[in-house]
């Protein structure tokens, strides 16, 4: 069974995550499957993101409001995405 997971990120503690949460829920992501970090997107060493990444399995769907919520640098985002895909391919081998 495919699960829908969501990731929300804002850069500072005082920024509001509500708009992102609303969008993820519209996509059918259950609140219990939404992971949120209030940290910079300079790298992927964020606790909730790492927890989410470990949870993802082959066939799951990851929803983010916009690509920049994953990270700042497009090349780093691509590298991270390839790592997630490689992990899911290894799970079915």
C-alpha atoms as a PDB file:
ATOM      1  CA  UNK A   1       0.000   0.000   0.000  1.00  0.00           C
ATOM      2  CA  UNK A   2       1.319   3.412  -0.970  1.00  0.00           C
ATOM      3  CA  UNK A   3       1.465   6.004   1.771  1.00  0.00           C
ATOM      4  CA  UNK A   4       1.422   9.744   1.268  1.00  0.00           C
ATOM      5  CA  UNK A   5       4.003  11.661   3.291  1.00  0.00           C
ATOM      6  CA  UNK A   6       4.531  15.382   3.474  1.00  0.00           C
ATOM      7  CA  UNK A   7       7.458  17.580   4.310  1.00  0.00           C
ATOM      8  CA  UNK A   8       7.213  21.162   5.557  1.00  0.00           C
ATOM      9  CA  UNK A   9      10.150  23.451   6.173  1.00  0.00           C
ATOM     10  CA  UNK A  10      10.520  27.059   7.228  1.00  0.00           C
ATOM     11  CA  UNK A  11      13.836  28.726   7.937  1.00  0.00           C
ATOM     12  CA  UNK A  12      13.129  30.242  11.340  1.00  0.00           C
ATOM     13  CA  UNK A  13      11.140  29.388  14.452  1.00  0.00           C
ATOM     14  CA  UNK A  14       8.851  32.404  14.068  1.00  0.00           C
ATOM     15  CA  UNK A  15       7.766  31.613  10.488  1.00  0.00           C
ATOM     16  CA  UNK A  16       4.341  30.061   9.995  1.00  0.00           C
ATOM     17  CA  UNK A  17       3.955  26.571   8.496  1.00  0.00           C
ATOM     18  CA  UNK A  18       0.168  26.790   8.110  1.00  0.00           C
ATOM     19  CA  UNK A  19       0.042  27.474   4.337  1.00  0.00           C
ATOM     20  CA  UNK A  20       2.240  24.497   3.624  1.00  0.00           C
ATOM     21  CA  UNK A  21       0.211  22.235   5.926  1.00  0.00           C
ATOM     22  CA  UNK A  22      -3.046  23.237   4.221  1.00  0.00           C
ATOM     23  CA  UNK A  23      -1.607  22.345   0.814  1.00  0.00           C
ATOM     24  CA  UNK A  24      -0.334  18.953   1.953  1.00  0.00           C
ATOM     25  CA  UNK A  25      -3.677  18.067   3.515  1.00  0.00           C
ATOM     26  CA  UNK A  26      -5.391  19.016   0.225  1.00  0.00           C
ATOM     27  CA  UNK A  27      -3.154  16.420  -1.434  1.00  0.00           C
ATOM     28  CA  UNK A  28      -4.487  13.809   0.964  1.00  0.00           C
ATOM     29  CA  UNK A  29      -1.532  13.654   3.332  1.00  0.00           C
ATOM     30  CA  UNK A  30      -2.634  12.718   6.839  1.00  0.00           C
ATOM     31  CA  UNK A  31      -1.371  15.039   9.573  1.00  0.00           C
ATOM     32  CA  UNK A  32       0.384  12.116  11.276  1.00  0.00           C
ATOM     33  CA  UNK A  33       2.439  11.658   8.082  1.00  0.00           C
ATOM     34  CA  UNK A  34       3.635  15.262   7.864  1.00  0.00           C
ATOM     35  CA  UNK A  35       7.165  16.025   9.027  1.00  0.00           C
ATOM     36  CA  UNK A  36       8.196  19.591   9.799  1.00  0.00           C
ATOM     37  CA  UNK A  37      11.517  21.322  10.401  1.00  0.00           C
ATOM     38  CA  UNK A  38      12.039  24.935  11.384  1.00  0.00           C
ATOM     39  CA  UNK A  39      15.625  25.102  10.154  1.00  0.00           C
ATOM     40  CA  UNK A  40      17.650  26.468   7.282  1.00  0.00           C
ATOM     41  CA  UNK A  41      17.610  24.627   3.985  1.00  0.00           C
ATOM     42  CA  UNK A  42      21.376  24.948   3.575  1.00  0.00           C
ATOM     43  CA  UNK A  43      21.811  21.184   3.955  1.00  0.00           C
ATOM     44  CA  UNK A  44      19.773  18.060   4.639  1.00  0.00           C
ATOM     45  CA  UNK A  45      20.909  17.549   8.240  1.00  0.00           C
ATOM     46  CA  UNK A  46      17.451  18.273   9.614  1.00  0.00           C
ATOM     47  CA  UNK A  47      15.993  15.884  12.214  1.00  0.00           C
ATOM     48  CA  UNK A  48      12.448  15.555  10.881  1.00  0.00           C
ATOM     49  CA  UNK A  49      13.592  15.322   7.276  1.00  0.00           C
ATOM     50  CA  UNK A  50      16.007  12.520   8.173  1.00  0.00           C
ATOM     51  CA  UNK A  51      13.233  10.720  10.082  1.00  0.00           C
ATOM     52  CA  UNK A  52      10.943  11.038   7.058  1.00  0.00           C
ATOM     53  CA  UNK A  53      13.626   9.809   4.700  1.00  0.00           C
ATOM     54  CA  UNK A  54      14.114   6.659   6.781  1.00  0.00           C
ATOM     55  CA  UNK A  55      10.352   6.076   6.722  1.00  0.00           C
ATOM     56  CA  UNK A  56       9.913   6.269   2.938  1.00  0.00           C
ATOM     57  CA  UNK A  57       9.443   2.965   1.168  1.00  0.00           C
ATOM     58  CA  UNK A  58       9.160   2.001  -2.489  1.00  0.00           C
ATOM     59  CA  UNK A  59       5.837   3.239  -3.874  1.00  0.00           C
ATOM     60  CA  UNK A  60       5.301   5.930  -1.226  1.00  0.00           C
ATOM     61  CA  UNK A  61       4.499   9.466  -2.329  1.00  0.00           C
ATOM     62  CA  UNK A  62       6.381  12.465  -0.953  1.00  0.00           C
ATOM     63  CA  UNK A  63       4.530  15.784  -1.181  1.00  0.00           C
ATOM     64  CA  UNK A  64       6.105  19.220  -0.678  1.00  0.00           C
ATOM     65  CA  UNK A  65       4.433  22.550  -1.401  1.00  0.00           C
ATOM     66  CA  UNK A  66       7.390  23.664  -3.487  1.00  0.00           C
ATOM     67  CA  UNK A  67      10.813  22.299  -4.322  1.00  0.00           C
ATOM     68  CA  UNK A  68      12.607  24.994  -2.339  1.00  0.00           C
ATOM     69  CA  UNK A  69      11.106  23.546   0.849  1.00  0.00           C
ATOM     70  CA  UNK A  70      13.444  20.570   0.425  1.00  0.00           C
ATOM     71  CA  UNK A  71      16.539  22.724   0.151  1.00  0.00           C
ATOM     72  CA  UNK A  72      18.195  25.845  -1.180  1.00  0.00           C
ATOM     73  CA  UNK A  73      20.555  24.444  -3.765  1.00  0.00           C
ATOM     74  CA  UNK A  74      19.033  22.778  -6.827  1.00  0.00           C
ATOM     75  CA  UNK A  75      22.031  20.485  -7.365  1.00  0.00           C
ATOM     76  CA  UNK A  76      21.860  19.321  -3.733  1.00  0.00           C
ATOM     77  CA  UNK A  77      18.120  18.687  -4.114  1.00  0.00           C
ATOM     78  CA  UNK A  78      18.753  16.564  -7.207  1.00  0.00           C
ATOM     79  CA  UNK A  79      21.459  14.590  -5.404  1.00  0.00           C
ATOM     80  CA  UNK A  80      19.156  14.017  -2.432  1.00  0.00           C
ATOM     81  CA  UNK A  81      16.321  12.913  -4.726  1.00  0.00           C
ATOM     82  CA  UNK A  82      18.589  10.404  -6.480  1.00  0.00           C
ATOM     83  CA  UNK A  83      19.580   9.015  -3.063  1.00  0.00           C
ATOM     84  CA  UNK A  84      15.917   8.527  -2.112  1.00  0.00           C
ATOM     85  CA  UNK A  85      15.175   6.788  -5.429  1.00  0.00           C
ATOM     86  CA  UNK A  86      18.227   4.547  -5.106  1.00  0.00           C
ATOM     87  CA  UNK A  87      17.136   3.552  -1.592  1.00  0.00           C
ATOM     88  CA  UNK A  88      13.664   2.561  -2.815  1.00  0.00           C
ATOM     89  CA  UNK A  89      15.111   0.577  -5.732  1.00  0.00           C
ATOM     90  CA  UNK A  90      17.338  -1.377  -3.336  1.00  0.00           C
ATOM     91  CA  UNK A  91      14.288  -2.243  -1.228  1.00  0.00           C
ATOM     92  CA  UNK A  92      12.650  -4.093  -4.129  1.00  0.00           C
ATOM     93  CA  UNK A  93      15.823  -5.984  -5.118  1.00  0.00           C
END
